[in-house]
């Protein structure tokens, strides 16, 4: 399976992450942090951030092209990434 088709986002190189290498975004599905609230027993609300569970993996993008990309665990579990051997 080749990852190059159907990538989320519209940046110059979303797979290689050359433009914004420190963003917390999945290279496959484009999952980003969400904002919500911590809720106490007294129902006090404090803002918090839900970050995606990103893992840096060596993935085979095309035959002969291997790169390290940050992928969420749901994409890894679903088999959307072909890991390099």
Protein backbone atom coordinates (compact mmCIF):
# COMPACT_ATOMS: atom_id res chain seq x y z
CA UNK A 1 0.00 0.00 0.00
CA UNK A 2 1.38 3.39 -1.00
CA UNK A 3 0.58 6.33 1.29
CA UNK A 4 1.04 9.10 -1.26
CA UNK A 5 -2.57 9.15 -2.47
CA UNK A 6 -5.36 10.66 -0.40
CA UNK A 7 -3.37 12.49 2.25
CA UNK A 8 -5.14 14.96 4.50
CA UNK A 9 -4.24 18.64 4.34
CA UNK A 10 -3.12 20.86 1.51
CA UNK A 11 0.45 21.84 2.42
CA UNK A 12 3.48 21.55 0.19
CA UNK A 13 4.69 18.27 1.70
CA UNK A 14 2.41 16.89 4.41
CA UNK A 15 4.14 13.50 4.45
CA UNK A 16 7.71 14.73 4.90
CA UNK A 17 6.61 17.55 7.23
CA UNK A 18 9.35 19.80 5.87
CA UNK A 19 7.50 23.08 6.33
CA UNK A 20 6.11 22.54 9.85
CA UNK A 21 7.95 19.66 11.48
CA UNK A 22 6.83 20.43 15.04
CA UNK A 23 3.06 20.46 14.54
CA UNK A 24 1.01 17.90 16.44
CA UNK A 25 -0.81 16.61 13.36
CA UNK A 26 -1.14 13.14 11.90
CA UNK A 27 0.50 12.88 8.48
CA UNK A 28 -2.19 10.46 7.24
CA UNK A 29 -5.59 11.60 8.55
CA UNK A 30 -4.73 15.15 9.65
CA UNK A 31 -5.90 14.64 13.23
CA UNK A 32 -5.03 17.72 15.35
CA UNK A 33 -5.35 18.70 19.02
CA UNK A 34 -8.86 19.40 20.29
CA UNK A 35 -9.89 21.81 23.03
CA UNK A 36 -12.16 20.88 25.90
CA UNK A 37 -12.66 21.24 29.63
CA UNK A 38 -11.45 19.54 32.79
CA UNK A 39 -14.54 19.14 34.94
CA UNK A 40 -14.18 18.91 38.72
CA UNK A 41 -16.69 17.36 41.12
CA UNK A 42 -17.95 20.88 41.83
CA UNK A 43 -18.35 21.28 38.06
CA UNK A 44 -15.63 23.90 37.82
CA UNK A 45 -14.44 24.11 34.22
CA UNK A 46 -10.79 24.57 33.26
CA UNK A 47 -9.67 24.63 29.64
CA UNK A 48 -7.49 21.75 28.51
CA UNK A 49 -6.10 20.35 25.30
CA UNK A 50 -6.58 16.82 23.97
CA UNK A 51 -3.50 15.93 21.91
CA UNK A 52 -3.58 13.05 19.41
CA UNK A 53 -1.43 10.04 20.26
CA UNK A 54 1.28 10.51 17.63
CA UNK A 55 4.10 8.05 17.05
CA UNK A 56 7.14 8.67 14.85
CA UNK A 57 7.49 5.69 12.50
CA UNK A 58 9.64 4.84 9.51
CA UNK A 59 7.13 4.48 6.70
CA UNK A 60 7.58 3.43 3.10
CA UNK A 61 5.94 6.17 1.03
CA UNK A 62 6.82 4.89 -2.44
CA UNK A 63 8.95 1.97 -3.52
CA UNK A 64 12.45 2.95 -2.48
CA UNK A 65 11.37 6.06 -0.49
CA UNK A 66 11.46 5.71 3.30
CA UNK A 67 10.77 8.65 5.63
CA UNK A 68 10.06 9.17 9.31
CA UNK A 69 6.55 10.54 9.72
CA UNK A 70 4.33 11.24 12.71
CA UNK A 71 1.21 9.10 12.59
CA UNK A 72 -1.63 8.71 15.09
CA UNK A 73 -2.12 5.30 16.65
CA UNK A 74 -5.57 4.87 15.11
CA UNK A 75 -3.99 5.05 11.62
CA UNK A 76 -1.32 2.56 12.67
CA UNK A 77 -3.93 0.17 14.06
CA UNK A 78 -6.10 0.50 10.94
CA UNK A 79 -3.15 -0.42 8.71
CA UNK A 80 -3.09 2.86 6.80
CA UNK A 81 0.72 2.98 7.09
CA UNK A 82 3.17 0.56 5.52
CA UNK A 83 6.09 0.42 7.92
CA UNK A 84 9.56 0.11 6.43
CA UNK A 85 11.51 -3.04 7.18
